[in-house]
């Protein structure tokens, strides 16, 4: 799993947006280039730049600054925000951007995405902001597209998109747990790299993302930012967790395990996944109830209960299976 360090740029400054609201922007650094260089020195694999002025107001005042950032940073840089035309995508790529990330424009104009992918293969990524019901939000989470995750993933993959960035519309990454179910769904639908763009709260969330897999297909990367600057963890600690996961995978693959043991191990991983989903739903229920949103809080509480019941049923089935094997 790769670490993408986020640099949000608004009016020439590096900022963070609580819940994605431009009006609540908090300045983090007056020098976005310096911030990007700092991320690289800490071990970031890629830089993920978001031009908020271009995204929200079609104001491209930051493009020269972004060009300079691309030139000075020694890791690949992908640029998002305000990429609405072939001309703008081409200009960024020809300025050295490793990838350009399209959002609303990609959903509304698939033909443009197809033509860009033909001209610039491996350089076009698509960002998808997903509602809890998996409908896609557009225009900075302010509108519903009427289109859903599965159909758009399939459409964009057929167009030749190099990667997908997926985030949860409306989620505050510092407070609310990630919804790993949509990541699992995405892995099951397409083979292109899936990047968790909404961020994680702490290293346990990172571990839960690493645990997601579908037929050997894992989450390709995660975008980090606020959780690091808030002191929740460092990039060095995140990379250590990722390295630990890779070592575990390698050991699992190289040891000659009896088929029934390997099958049991996979079954228990599924139990663990259900428990993680239950924990995620319970945390979300707590957040919603604290916000006095009783209907949504109750819905997430019932979902947590359902996942726990499913985990309990799976454990009962496994116990019976192992008892039968022991007798035989």
C-alpha atoms as a PDB file:
ATOM      1  CA  UNK A   1       0.000   0.000   0.000  1.00  0.00           C
ATOM      2  CA  UNK A   2       1.313   3.442  -0.974  1.00  0.00           C
ATOM      3  CA  UNK A   3       1.027   6.635   1.057  1.00  0.00           C
ATOM      4  CA  UNK A   4      -0.285   9.689  -0.805  1.00  0.00           C
ATOM      5  CA  UNK A   5       0.320  12.902   1.163  1.00  0.00           C
ATOM      6  CA  UNK A   6      -2.377  15.513   0.595  1.00  0.00           C
ATOM      7  CA  UNK A   7      -1.683  19.196  -0.087  1.00  0.00           C
ATOM      8  CA  UNK A   8      -4.890  21.254  -0.373  1.00  0.00           C
ATOM      9  CA  UNK A   9      -4.227  24.672  -1.916  1.00  0.00           C
ATOM     10  CA  UNK A  10      -6.554  27.640  -1.444  1.00  0.00           C
ATOM     11  CA  UNK A  11      -5.485  31.161  -2.433  1.00  0.00           C
ATOM     12  CA  UNK A  12      -1.850  30.113  -2.486  1.00  0.00           C
ATOM     13  CA  UNK A  13      -1.973  28.565   1.002  1.00  0.00           C
ATOM     14  CA  UNK A  14      -2.046  24.980   2.217  1.00  0.00           C
ATOM     15  CA  UNK A  15      -5.293  24.412   4.127  1.00  0.00           C
ATOM     16  CA  UNK A  16      -7.532  21.731   5.566  1.00  0.00           C
ATOM     17  CA  UNK A  17     -11.299  21.608   5.180  1.00  0.00           C
ATOM     18  CA  UNK A  18     -13.341  20.198   8.060  1.00  0.00           C
ATOM     19  CA  UNK A  19     -16.114  18.163   6.382  1.00  0.00           C
ATOM     20  CA  UNK A  20     -15.098  19.595   3.022  1.00  0.00           C
ATOM     21  CA  UNK A  21     -16.488  23.098   3.644  1.00  0.00           C
ATOM     22  CA  UNK A  22     -14.529  25.901   1.942  1.00  0.00           C
ATOM     23  CA  UNK A  23     -15.908  28.463   4.378  1.00  0.00           C
ATOM     24  CA  UNK A  24     -14.295  26.590   7.275  1.00  0.00           C
ATOM     25  CA  UNK A  25     -10.818  26.402   5.690  1.00  0.00           C
ATOM     26  CA  UNK A  26      -7.989  26.356   8.236  1.00  0.00           C
ATOM     27  CA  UNK A  27      -4.553  27.498   7.096  1.00  0.00           C
ATOM     28  CA  UNK A  28      -1.816  24.939   7.721  1.00  0.00           C
ATOM     29  CA  UNK A  29       1.083  26.457   5.821  1.00  0.00           C
ATOM     30  CA  UNK A  30       1.668  29.568   3.706  1.00  0.00           C
ATOM     31  CA  UNK A  31       4.132  27.604   1.558  1.00  0.00           C
ATOM     32  CA  UNK A  32       2.480  24.599  -0.159  1.00  0.00           C
ATOM     33  CA  UNK A  33       5.716  23.732  -1.979  1.00  0.00           C
ATOM     34  CA  UNK A  34       7.577  23.574   1.308  1.00  0.00           C
ATOM     35  CA  UNK A  35       4.800  21.453   2.756  1.00  0.00           C
ATOM     36  CA  UNK A  36       5.056  19.010  -0.143  1.00  0.00           C
ATOM     37  CA  UNK A  37       8.830  18.816   0.273  1.00  0.00           C
ATOM     38  CA  UNK A  38       8.326  18.125   3.986  1.00  0.00           C
ATOM     39  CA  UNK A  39       5.978  15.249   3.160  1.00  0.00           C
ATOM     40  CA  UNK A  40       8.607  13.773   0.858  1.00  0.00           C
ATOM     41  CA  UNK A  41      11.298  14.054   3.546  1.00  0.00           C
ATOM     42  CA  UNK A  42       8.985  12.141   5.901  1.00  0.00           C
ATOM     43  CA  UNK A  43       8.626   9.277   3.429  1.00  0.00           C
ATOM     44  CA  UNK A  44       5.531   9.986   1.312  1.00  0.00           C
ATOM     45  CA  UNK A  45       5.392   7.798  -1.798  1.00  0.00           C
ATOM     46  CA  UNK A  46       3.293  10.310  -3.782  1.00  0.00           C
ATOM     47  CA  UNK A  47       1.971  13.857  -3.397  1.00  0.00           C
ATOM     48  CA  UNK A  48      -1.745  14.430  -3.931  1.00  0.00           C
ATOM     49  CA  UNK A  49      -2.428  18.110  -4.696  1.00  0.00           C
ATOM     50  CA  UNK A  50      -5.954  19.523  -4.661  1.00  0.00           C
ATOM     51  CA  UNK A  51      -6.494  22.977  -6.199  1.00  0.00           C
ATOM     52  CA  UNK A  52      -9.519  24.171  -4.244  1.00  0.00           C
ATOM     53  CA  UNK A  53      -9.834  27.514  -6.035  1.00  0.00           C
ATOM     54  CA  UNK A  54     -10.045  25.757  -9.391  1.00  0.00           C
ATOM     55  CA  UNK A  55     -12.435  23.130  -8.047  1.00  0.00           C
ATOM     56  CA  UNK A  56     -14.870  25.507  -6.367  1.00  0.00           C
ATOM     57  CA  UNK A  57     -14.622  28.731  -8.340  1.00  0.00           C
ATOM     58  CA  UNK A  58     -12.980  27.851 -11.664  1.00  0.00           C
ATOM     59  CA  UNK A  59     -10.171  30.141 -10.554  1.00  0.00           C
ATOM     60  CA  UNK A  60      -6.795  28.886 -11.790  1.00  0.00           C
ATOM     61  CA  UNK A  61      -4.576  31.294  -9.868  1.00  0.00           C
ATOM     62  CA  UNK A  62      -2.719  28.399  -8.191  1.00  0.00           C
ATOM     63  CA  UNK A  63      -1.631  26.632 -11.379  1.00  0.00           C
ATOM     64  CA  UNK A  64       1.789  28.327 -11.593  1.00  0.00           C
ATOM     65  CA  UNK A  65       2.400  27.388  -7.964  1.00  0.00           C
ATOM     66  CA  UNK A  66       1.413  23.794  -8.696  1.00  0.00           C
ATOM     67  CA  UNK A  67       3.747  23.720 -11.705  1.00  0.00           C
ATOM     68  CA  UNK A  68       6.579  24.817  -9.409  1.00  0.00           C
ATOM     69  CA  UNK A  69       5.634  22.186  -6.851  1.00  0.00           C
ATOM     70  CA  UNK A  70       5.717  19.464  -9.534  1.00  0.00           C
ATOM     71  CA  UNK A  71       9.156  20.651 -10.617  1.00  0.00           C
ATOM     72  CA  UNK A  72      10.681  20.721  -7.122  1.00  0.00           C
ATOM     73  CA  UNK A  73       9.222  17.566  -5.596  1.00  0.00           C
ATOM     74  CA  UNK A  74      11.168  14.391  -6.344  1.00  0.00           C
ATOM     75  CA  UNK A  75       8.263  11.935  -6.103  1.00  0.00           C
ATOM     76  CA  UNK A  76       5.321  11.600  -8.515  1.00  0.00           C
ATOM     77  CA  UNK A  77       2.614  14.239  -8.103  1.00  0.00           C
ATOM     78  CA  UNK A  78      -1.049  13.801  -8.965  1.00  0.00           C
ATOM     79  CA  UNK A  79      -3.206  16.905  -9.307  1.00  0.00           C
ATOM     80  CA  UNK A  80      -6.925  17.210  -8.605  1.00  0.00           C
ATOM     81  CA  UNK A  81      -9.315  20.123  -8.634  1.00  0.00           C
ATOM     82  CA  UNK A  82     -10.845  21.926 -11.582  1.00  0.00           C
ATOM     83  CA  UNK A  83      -9.785  19.461 -14.299  1.00  0.00           C
ATOM     84  CA  UNK A  84     -12.823  19.968 -16.504  1.00  0.00           C
ATOM     85  CA  UNK A  85     -11.410  19.887 -20.024  1.00  0.00           C
ATOM     86  CA  UNK A  86      -8.983  18.025 -22.226  1.00  0.00           C
ATOM     87  CA  UNK A  87      -6.950  21.221 -22.539  1.00  0.00           C
ATOM     88  CA  UNK A  88      -6.459  21.561 -18.779  1.00  0.00           C
ATOM     89  CA  UNK A  89      -5.682  17.869 -18.287  1.00  0.00           C
ATOM     90  CA  UNK A  90      -3.140  17.972 -21.117  1.00  0.00           C
ATOM     91  CA  UNK A  91      -1.519  21.131 -19.735  1.00  0.00           C
ATOM     92  CA  UNK A  92      -0.999  19.538 -16.304  1.00  0.00           C
ATOM     93  CA  UNK A  93       0.397  16.309 -17.736  1.00  0.00           C
ATOM     94  CA  UNK A  94       2.741  18.196 -20.042  1.00  0.00           C
ATOM     95  CA  UNK A  95       3.848  20.255 -17.024  1.00  0.00           C
ATOM     96  CA  UNK A  96       4.992  17.055 -15.349  1.00  0.00           C
ATOM     97  CA  UNK A  97       1.984  15.810 -13.384  1.00  0.00           C
ATOM     98  CA  UNK A  98       2.144  12.049 -12.978  1.00  0.00           C
ATOM     99  CA  UNK A  99      -1.636  11.820 -12.957  1.00  0.00           C
ATOM    100  CA  UNK A 100      -4.523  14.221 -13.210  1.00  0.00           C
ATOM    101  CA  UNK A 101      -7.574  13.399 -11.145  1.00  0.00           C
ATOM    102  CA  UNK A 102     -11.011  14.161 -12.517  1.00  0.00           C
ATOM    103  CA  UNK A 103     -14.180  14.253 -10.427  1.00  0.00           C
ATOM    104  CA  UNK A 104     -17.508  15.745 -11.469  1.00  0.00           C
ATOM    105  CA  UNK A 105     -16.377  16.312 -15.055  1.00  0.00           C
ATOM    106  CA  UNK A 106     -15.564  12.613 -15.481  1.00  0.00           C
ATOM    107  CA  UNK A 107     -19.010  11.544 -14.285  1.00  0.00           C
ATOM    108  CA  UNK A 108     -20.763  14.047 -16.536  1.00  0.00           C
ATOM    109  CA  UNK A 109     -18.652  13.547 -19.669  1.00  0.00           C
ATOM    110  CA  UNK A 110     -17.410   9.997 -20.136  1.00  0.00           C
ATOM    111  CA  UNK A 111     -16.441  10.678 -23.742  1.00  0.00           C
ATOM    112  CA  UNK A 112     -13.856  13.217 -22.577  1.00  0.00           C
ATOM    113  CA  UNK A 113     -12.436  10.651 -20.141  1.00  0.00           C
ATOM    114  CA  UNK A 114     -12.171   8.047 -22.882  1.00  0.00           C
ATOM    115  CA  UNK A 115     -10.389  10.430 -25.246  1.00  0.00           C
ATOM    116  CA  UNK A 116      -7.942  11.532 -22.535  1.00  0.00           C
ATOM    117  CA  UNK A 117      -7.197   7.933 -21.570  1.00  0.00           C
ATOM    118  CA  UNK A 118      -6.447   7.127 -25.212  1.00  0.00           C
ATOM    119  CA  UNK A 119      -4.094  10.093 -25.525  1.00  0.00           C
ATOM    120  CA  UNK A 120      -2.516   9.852 -22.071  1.00  0.00           C
ATOM    121  CA  UNK A 121      -2.703   6.205 -20.924  1.00  0.00           C
ATOM    122  CA  UNK A 122      -1.929   5.654 -17.219  1.00  0.00           C
ATOM    123  CA  UNK A 123      -2.189   9.393 -16.518  1.00  0.00           C
ATOM    124  CA  UNK A 124      -5.930   9.763 -15.854  1.00  0.00           C
ATOM    125  CA  UNK A 125      -7.493   8.928 -12.480  1.00  0.00           C
ATOM    126  CA  UNK A 126     -11.063   9.483 -11.336  1.00  0.00           C
ATOM    127  CA  UNK A 127     -12.181  10.602  -7.893  1.00  0.00           C
ATOM    128  CA  UNK A 128     -15.530   9.317  -6.613  1.00  0.00           C
ATOM    129  CA  UNK A 129     -17.310  10.794  -3.582  1.00  0.00           C
ATOM    130  CA  UNK A 130     -19.754   8.156  -2.374  1.00  0.00           C
ATOM    131  CA  UNK A 131     -22.911   8.494  -0.266  1.00  0.00           C
ATOM    132  CA  UNK A 132     -23.799   5.733   2.252  1.00  0.00           C
ATOM    133  CA  UNK A 133     -26.228   4.257  -0.321  1.00  0.00           C
ATOM    134  CA  UNK A 134     -23.344   4.320  -2.863  1.00  0.00           C
ATOM    135  CA  UNK A 135     -24.843   7.114  -4.954  1.00  0.00           C
ATOM    136  CA  UNK A 136     -22.100   9.456  -6.147  1.00  0.00           C
ATOM    137  CA  UNK A 137     -22.045  13.057  -4.945  1.00  0.00           C
ATOM    138  CA  UNK A 138     -20.751  15.775  -7.266  1.00  0.00           C
ATOM    139  CA  UNK A 139     -19.800  19.444  -7.219  1.00  0.00           C
ATOM    140  CA  UNK A 140     -18.107  19.396  -3.853  1.00  0.00           C
ATOM    141  CA  UNK A 141     -20.673  17.086  -2.199  1.00  0.00           C
ATOM    142  CA  UNK A 142     -23.460  19.605  -2.918  1.00  0.00           C
ATOM    143  CA  UNK A 143     -25.369  17.549  -5.499  1.00  0.00           C
ATOM    144  CA  UNK A 144     -26.396  13.957  -6.102  1.00  0.00           C
ATOM    145  CA  UNK A 145     -25.442  12.592  -9.500  1.00  0.00           C
ATOM    146  CA  UNK A 146     -28.176   9.978  -9.830  1.00  0.00           C
ATOM    147  CA  UNK A 147     -25.426   7.478 -10.632  1.00  0.00           C
ATOM    148  CA  UNK A 148     -24.035   4.772  -8.385  1.00  0.00           C
ATOM    149  CA  UNK A 149     -20.630   3.357  -7.564  1.00  0.00           C
ATOM    150  CA  UNK A 150     -20.807   0.099  -9.503  1.00  0.00           C
ATOM    151  CA  UNK A 151     -22.010   1.523 -12.818  1.00  0.00           C
ATOM    152  CA  UNK A 152     -19.518   4.399 -12.779  1.00  0.00           C
ATOM    153  CA  UNK A 153     -16.584   2.150 -11.864  1.00  0.00           C
ATOM    154  CA  UNK A 154     -17.423  -0.152 -14.767  1.00  0.00           C
ATOM    155  CA  UNK A 155     -17.904   2.756 -17.183  1.00  0.00           C
ATOM    156  CA  UNK A 156     -14.661   4.445 -16.192  1.00  0.00           C
ATOM    157  CA  UNK A 157     -12.680   1.211 -16.236  1.00  0.00           C
ATOM    158  CA  UNK A 158     -13.900   0.522 -19.769  1.00  0.00           C
ATOM    159  CA  UNK A 159     -12.737   4.016 -20.725  1.00  0.00           C
ATOM    160  CA  UNK A 160      -9.202   3.164 -19.594  1.00  0.00           C
ATOM    161  CA  UNK A 161      -8.906   5.017 -16.276  1.00  0.00           C
ATOM    162  CA  UNK A 162      -5.611   4.258 -14.487  1.00  0.00           C
ATOM    163  CA  UNK A 163      -6.885   4.387 -10.887  1.00  0.00           C
ATOM    164  CA  UNK A 164      -9.853   5.323  -8.695  1.00  0.00           C
ATOM    165  CA  UNK A 165      -9.804   7.526  -5.606  1.00  0.00           C
ATOM    166  CA  UNK A 166     -12.765   6.770  -3.377  1.00  0.00           C
ATOM    167  CA  UNK A 167     -13.964   8.844  -0.438  1.00  0.00           C
ATOM    168  CA  UNK A 168     -17.140   9.109   1.624  1.00  0.00           C
ATOM    169  CA  UNK A 169     -19.112  12.263   0.952  1.00  0.00           C
ATOM    170  CA  UNK A 170     -19.665  14.227   4.147  1.00  0.00           C
ATOM    171  CA  UNK A 171     -17.324  12.213   6.349  1.00  0.00           C
ATOM    172  CA  UNK A 172     -14.950  13.980   8.756  1.00  0.00           C
ATOM    173  CA  UNK A 173     -11.892  11.717   8.659  1.00  0.00           C
ATOM    174  CA  UNK A 174     -10.670  12.879  12.070  1.00  0.00           C
ATOM    175  CA  UNK A 175     -13.879  11.816  13.813  1.00  0.00           C
ATOM    176  CA  UNK A 176     -15.839   9.241  11.851  1.00  0.00           C
ATOM    177  CA  UNK A 177     -14.635   5.744  10.962  1.00  0.00           C
ATOM    178  CA  UNK A 178     -14.172   4.788   7.315  1.00  0.00           C
ATOM    179  CA  UNK A 179     -16.884   2.739   5.636  1.00  0.00           C
ATOM    180  CA  UNK A 180     -14.830  -0.204   4.447  1.00  0.00           C
ATOM    181  CA  UNK A 181     -17.815  -1.844   2.772  1.00  0.00           C
ATOM    182  CA  UNK A 182     -17.649   0.506  -0.220  1.00  0.00           C
ATOM    183  CA  UNK A 183     -13.929  -0.250  -0.574  1.00  0.00           C
ATOM    184  CA  UNK A 184     -14.694  -3.972  -0.614  1.00  0.00           C
ATOM    185  CA  UNK A 185     -17.367  -3.393  -3.219  1.00  0.00           C
ATOM    186  CA  UNK A 186     -14.978  -1.399  -5.396  1.00  0.00           C
ATOM    187  CA  UNK A 187     -12.323  -4.135  -5.227  1.00  0.00           C
ATOM    188  CA  UNK A 188     -14.921  -6.671  -6.325  1.00  0.00           C
ATOM    189  CA  UNK A 189     -16.044  -4.588  -9.304  1.00  0.00           C
ATOM    190  CA  UNK A 190     -12.830  -3.481 -11.044  1.00  0.00           C
ATOM    191  CA  UNK A 191      -9.184  -4.529 -11.202  1.00  0.00           C
ATOM    192  CA  UNK A 192      -7.754  -1.002 -11.437  1.00  0.00           C
ATOM    193  CA  UNK A 193      -5.977   0.353  -8.318  1.00  0.00           C
ATOM    194  CA  UNK A 194      -8.337   1.596  -5.597  1.00  0.00           C
ATOM    195  CA  UNK A 195      -7.037   4.432  -3.413  1.00  0.00           C
ATOM    196  CA  UNK A 196      -8.748   5.320  -0.136  1.00  0.00           C
ATOM    197  CA  UNK A 197      -8.905   9.089  -0.510  1.00  0.00           C
ATOM    198  CA  UNK A 198     -10.910   9.975   2.589  1.00  0.00           C
ATOM    199  CA  UNK A 199      -8.103   9.372   5.044  1.00  0.00           C
ATOM    200  CA  UNK A 200      -7.918   7.411   8.275  1.00  0.00           C
ATOM    201  CA  UNK A 201      -8.208   8.443  11.920  1.00  0.00           C
ATOM    202  CA  UNK A 202      -5.402   6.309  13.324  1.00  0.00           C
ATOM    203  CA  UNK A 203      -3.199   3.305  12.635  1.00  0.00           C
ATOM    204  CA  UNK A 204      -5.979   0.821  13.439  1.00  0.00           C
ATOM    205  CA  UNK A 205      -8.024   2.310  10.581  1.00  0.00           C
ATOM    206  CA  UNK A 206      -4.976   1.870   8.357  1.00  0.00           C
ATOM    207  CA  UNK A 207      -4.713  -1.772   9.410  1.00  0.00           C
ATOM    208  CA  UNK A 208      -8.390  -2.333   8.649  1.00  0.00           C
ATOM    209  CA  UNK A 209      -7.882  -0.907   5.147  1.00  0.00           C
ATOM    210  CA  UNK A 210      -4.922  -3.219   4.620  1.00  0.00           C
ATOM    211  CA  UNK A 211      -7.067  -6.187   5.636  1.00  0.00           C
ATOM    212  CA  UNK A 212      -9.540  -5.560   2.828  1.00  0.00           C
ATOM    213  CA  UNK A 213      -9.043  -7.866  -0.101  1.00  0.00           C
ATOM    214  CA  UNK A 214     -10.971  -9.492  -2.894  1.00  0.00           C
ATOM    215  CA  UNK A 215      -9.409 -12.446  -4.680  1.00  0.00           C
ATOM    216  CA  UNK A 216      -5.934 -11.229  -3.798  1.00  0.00           C
ATOM    217  CA  UNK A 217      -6.710  -7.638  -4.814  1.00  0.00           C
ATOM    218  CA  UNK A 218      -5.886  -5.131  -2.038  1.00  0.00           C
ATOM    219  CA  UNK A 219      -6.360  -1.400  -1.538  1.00  0.00           C
ATOM    220  CA  UNK A 220      -3.557   0.196  -3.532  1.00  0.00           C
ATOM    221  CA  UNK A 221      -3.010   3.332  -1.464  1.00  0.00           C
ATOM    222  CA  UNK A 222      -4.365   5.754   1.102  1.00  0.00           C
ATOM    223  CA  UNK A 223      -4.333   9.553   1.122  1.00  0.00           C
ATOM    224  CA  UNK A 224      -3.120  10.972   4.442  1.00  0.00           C
ATOM    225  CA  UNK A 225      -2.922  14.501   5.769  1.00  0.00           C
ATOM    226  CA  UNK A 226      -4.835  15.825   8.756  1.00  0.00           C
ATOM    227  CA  UNK A 227      -4.344  12.703  10.849  1.00  0.00           C
ATOM    228  CA  UNK A 228      -0.580  13.149  10.561  1.00  0.00           C
ATOM    229  CA  UNK A 229      -0.558  16.895  11.185  1.00  0.00           C
ATOM    230  CA  UNK A 230      -2.793  16.321  14.242  1.00  0.00           C
ATOM    231  CA  UNK A 231      -0.175  14.011  15.712  1.00  0.00           C
ATOM    232  CA  UNK A 232      -2.270  10.851  15.517  1.00  0.00           C
ATOM    233  CA  UNK A 233       0.645   9.042  13.836  1.00  0.00           C
ATOM    234  CA  UNK A 234       3.659   9.760  11.644  1.00  0.00           C
ATOM    235  CA  UNK A 235       4.377   8.658   8.104  1.00  0.00           C
ATOM    236  CA  UNK A 236       7.231   6.580   9.510  1.00  0.00           C
ATOM    237  CA  UNK A 237       4.800   4.748  11.794  1.00  0.00           C
ATOM    238  CA  UNK A 238       2.349   4.253   8.925  1.00  0.00           C
ATOM    239  CA  UNK A 239       5.063   2.808   6.701  1.00  0.00           C
ATOM    240  CA  UNK A 240       6.092   0.448   9.512  1.00  0.00           C
ATOM    241  CA  UNK A 241       2.503  -0.841   9.757  1.00  0.00           C
ATOM    242  CA  UNK A 242       2.387  -1.321   5.986  1.00  0.00           C
ATOM    243  CA  UNK A 243       5.746  -3.117   5.975  1.00  0.00           C
ATOM    244  CA  UNK A 244       4.558  -5.390   8.796  1.00  0.00           C
ATOM    245  CA  UNK A 245       1.521  -6.315   6.724  1.00  0.00           C
ATOM    246  CA  UNK A 246       3.647  -7.166   3.706  1.00  0.00           C
ATOM    247  CA  UNK A 247       5.895  -9.412   5.808  1.00  0.00           C
ATOM    248  CA  UNK A 248       2.842 -11.252   7.141  1.00  0.00           C
ATOM    249  CA  UNK A 249       1.477 -11.735   3.610  1.00  0.00           C
ATOM    250  CA  UNK A 250       4.839 -13.050   2.388  1.00  0.00           C
ATOM    251  CA  UNK A 251       5.072 -15.569   5.220  1.00  0.00           C
ATOM    252  CA  UNK A 252       1.530 -16.742   4.567  1.00  0.00           C
ATOM    253  CA  UNK A 253       2.286 -17.260   0.881  1.00  0.00           C
ATOM    254  CA  UNK A 254       5.607 -19.099   1.345  1.00  0.00           C
ATOM    255  CA  UNK A 255       4.654 -21.591   4.064  1.00  0.00           C
ATOM    256  CA  UNK A 256       3.215 -24.861   2.771  1.00  0.00           C
ATOM    257  CA  UNK A 257      -0.047 -24.944   4.707  1.00  0.00           C
ATOM    258  CA  UNK A 258      -2.448 -27.881   4.670  1.00  0.00           C
ATOM    259  CA  UNK A 259      -5.532 -26.967   2.582  1.00  0.00           C
ATOM    260  CA  UNK A 260      -8.012 -27.264   5.451  1.00  0.00           C
ATOM    261  CA  UNK A 261      -5.813 -25.074   7.691  1.00  0.00           C
ATOM    262  CA  UNK A 262      -5.549 -22.396   5.005  1.00  0.00           C
ATOM    263  CA  UNK A 263      -9.319 -22.535   4.530  1.00  0.00           C
ATOM    264  CA  UNK A 264      -9.894 -22.155   8.274  1.00  0.00           C
ATOM    265  CA  UNK A 265      -7.545 -19.181   8.389  1.00  0.00           C
ATOM    266  CA  UNK A 266      -9.542 -17.509   5.629  1.00  0.00           C
ATOM    267  CA  UNK A 267     -12.777 -18.223   7.498  1.00  0.00           C
ATOM    268  CA  UNK A 268     -11.457 -16.534  10.618  1.00  0.00           C
ATOM    269  CA  UNK A 269     -10.339 -13.544   8.558  1.00  0.00           C
ATOM    270  CA  UNK A 270     -13.963 -13.219   7.421  1.00  0.00           C
ATOM    271  CA  UNK A 271     -15.062 -13.290  11.053  1.00  0.00           C
ATOM    272  CA  UNK A 272     -12.555 -10.533  11.807  1.00  0.00           C
ATOM    273  CA  UNK A 273     -13.885  -8.503   8.872  1.00  0.00           C
ATOM    274  CA  UNK A 274     -17.428  -8.763  10.234  1.00  0.00           C
ATOM    275  CA  UNK A 275     -16.233  -7.627  13.669  1.00  0.00           C
ATOM    276  CA  UNK A 276     -14.425  -4.669  12.110  1.00  0.00           C
ATOM    277  CA  UNK A 277     -17.580  -3.706  10.253  1.00  0.00           C
ATOM    278  CA  UNK A 278     -19.551  -3.948  13.498  1.00  0.00           C
ATOM    279  CA  UNK A 279     -17.045  -1.694  15.254  1.00  0.00           C
ATOM    280  CA  UNK A 280     -17.170   0.805  12.395  1.00  0.00           C
ATOM    281  CA  UNK A 281     -20.968   0.916  12.450  1.00  0.00           C
ATOM    282  CA  UNK A 282     -21.007   1.273  16.260  1.00  0.00           C
ATOM    283  CA  UNK A 283     -18.599   4.217  16.147  1.00  0.00           C
ATOM    284  CA  UNK A 284     -20.666   5.882  13.445  1.00  0.00           C
ATOM    285  CA  UNK A 285     -23.807   5.302  15.522  1.00  0.00           C
ATOM    286  CA  UNK A 286     -22.147   7.052  18.462  1.00  0.00           C
ATOM    287  CA  UNK A 287     -21.197  10.049  16.299  1.00  0.00           C
ATOM    288  CA  UNK A 288     -24.693  10.353  14.804  1.00  0.00           C
ATOM    289  CA  UNK A 289     -26.362  10.102  18.220  1.00  0.00           C
ATOM    290  CA  UNK A 290     -24.049  12.786  19.627  1.00  0.00           C
ATOM    291  CA  UNK A 291     -25.182  14.950  16.712  1.00  0.00           C
ATOM    292  CA  UNK A 292     -28.791  14.239  17.771  1.00  0.00           C
ATOM    293  CA  UNK A 293     -29.437  12.418  14.486  1.00  0.00           C
ATOM    294  CA  UNK A 294     -31.381   9.601  16.138  1.00  0.00           C
ATOM    295  CA  UNK A 295     -32.733   7.902  12.943  1.00  0.00           C
ATOM    296  CA  UNK A 296     -29.279   7.532  11.380  1.00  0.00           C
ATOM    297  CA  UNK A 297     -27.700   6.661  14.724  1.00  0.00           C
ATOM    298  CA  UNK A 298     -30.257   3.906  15.242  1.00  0.00           C
ATOM    299  CA  UNK A 299     -29.752   2.598  11.707  1.00  0.00           C
ATOM    300  CA  UNK A 300     -25.998   2.289  12.229  1.00  0.00           C
ATOM    301  CA  UNK A 301     -26.589   0.669  15.635  1.00  0.00           C
ATOM    302  CA  UNK A 302     -28.832  -1.977  14.038  1.00  0.00           C
ATOM    303  CA  UNK A 303     -26.189  -2.507  11.333  1.00  0.00           C
ATOM    304  CA  UNK A 304     -23.555  -3.081  14.031  1.00  0.00           C
ATOM    305  CA  UNK A 305     -25.836  -5.622  15.680  1.00  0.00           C
ATOM    306  CA  UNK A 306     -26.331  -7.386  12.353  1.00  0.00           C
ATOM    307  CA  UNK A 307     -22.596  -7.708  11.718  1.00  0.00           C
ATOM    308  CA  UNK A 308     -22.037  -9.057  15.242  1.00  0.00           C
ATOM    309  CA  UNK A 309     -24.797 -11.630  14.783  1.00  0.00           C
ATOM    310  CA  UNK A 310     -23.246 -12.673  11.493  1.00  0.00           C
ATOM    311  CA  UNK A 311     -19.820 -13.041  13.136  1.00  0.00           C
ATOM    312  CA  UNK A 312     -21.378 -15.097  15.944  1.00  0.00           C
ATOM    313  CA  UNK A 313     -23.118 -17.372  13.423  1.00  0.00           C
ATOM    314  CA  UNK A 314     -19.860 -17.824  11.510  1.00  0.00           C
ATOM    315  CA  UNK A 315     -18.041 -18.782  14.718  1.00  0.00           C
ATOM    316  CA  UNK A 316     -20.759 -21.335  15.546  1.00  0.00           C
ATOM    317  CA  UNK A 317     -20.448 -22.845  12.075  1.00  0.00           C
ATOM    318  CA  UNK A 318     -16.661 -22.982  12.374  1.00  0.00           C
ATOM    319  CA  UNK A 319     -16.893 -24.646  15.782  1.00  0.00           C
ATOM    320  CA  UNK A 320     -19.165 -27.361  14.375  1.00  0.00           C
ATOM    321  CA  UNK A 321     -16.895 -27.853  11.372  1.00  0.00           C
ATOM    322  CA  UNK A 322     -13.773 -28.261  13.500  1.00  0.00           C
ATOM    323  CA  UNK A 323     -15.583 -30.641  15.869  1.00  0.00           C
ATOM    324  CA  UNK A 324     -16.527 -32.853  12.899  1.00  0.00           C
ATOM    325  CA  UNK A 325     -12.936 -32.795  11.618  1.00  0.00           C
ATOM    326  CA  UNK A 326     -11.617 -33.702  15.082  1.00  0.00           C
ATOM    327  CA  UNK A 327     -13.929 -36.743  15.247  1.00  0.00           C
ATOM    328  CA  UNK A 328     -12.835 -37.861  11.788  1.00  0.00           C
END
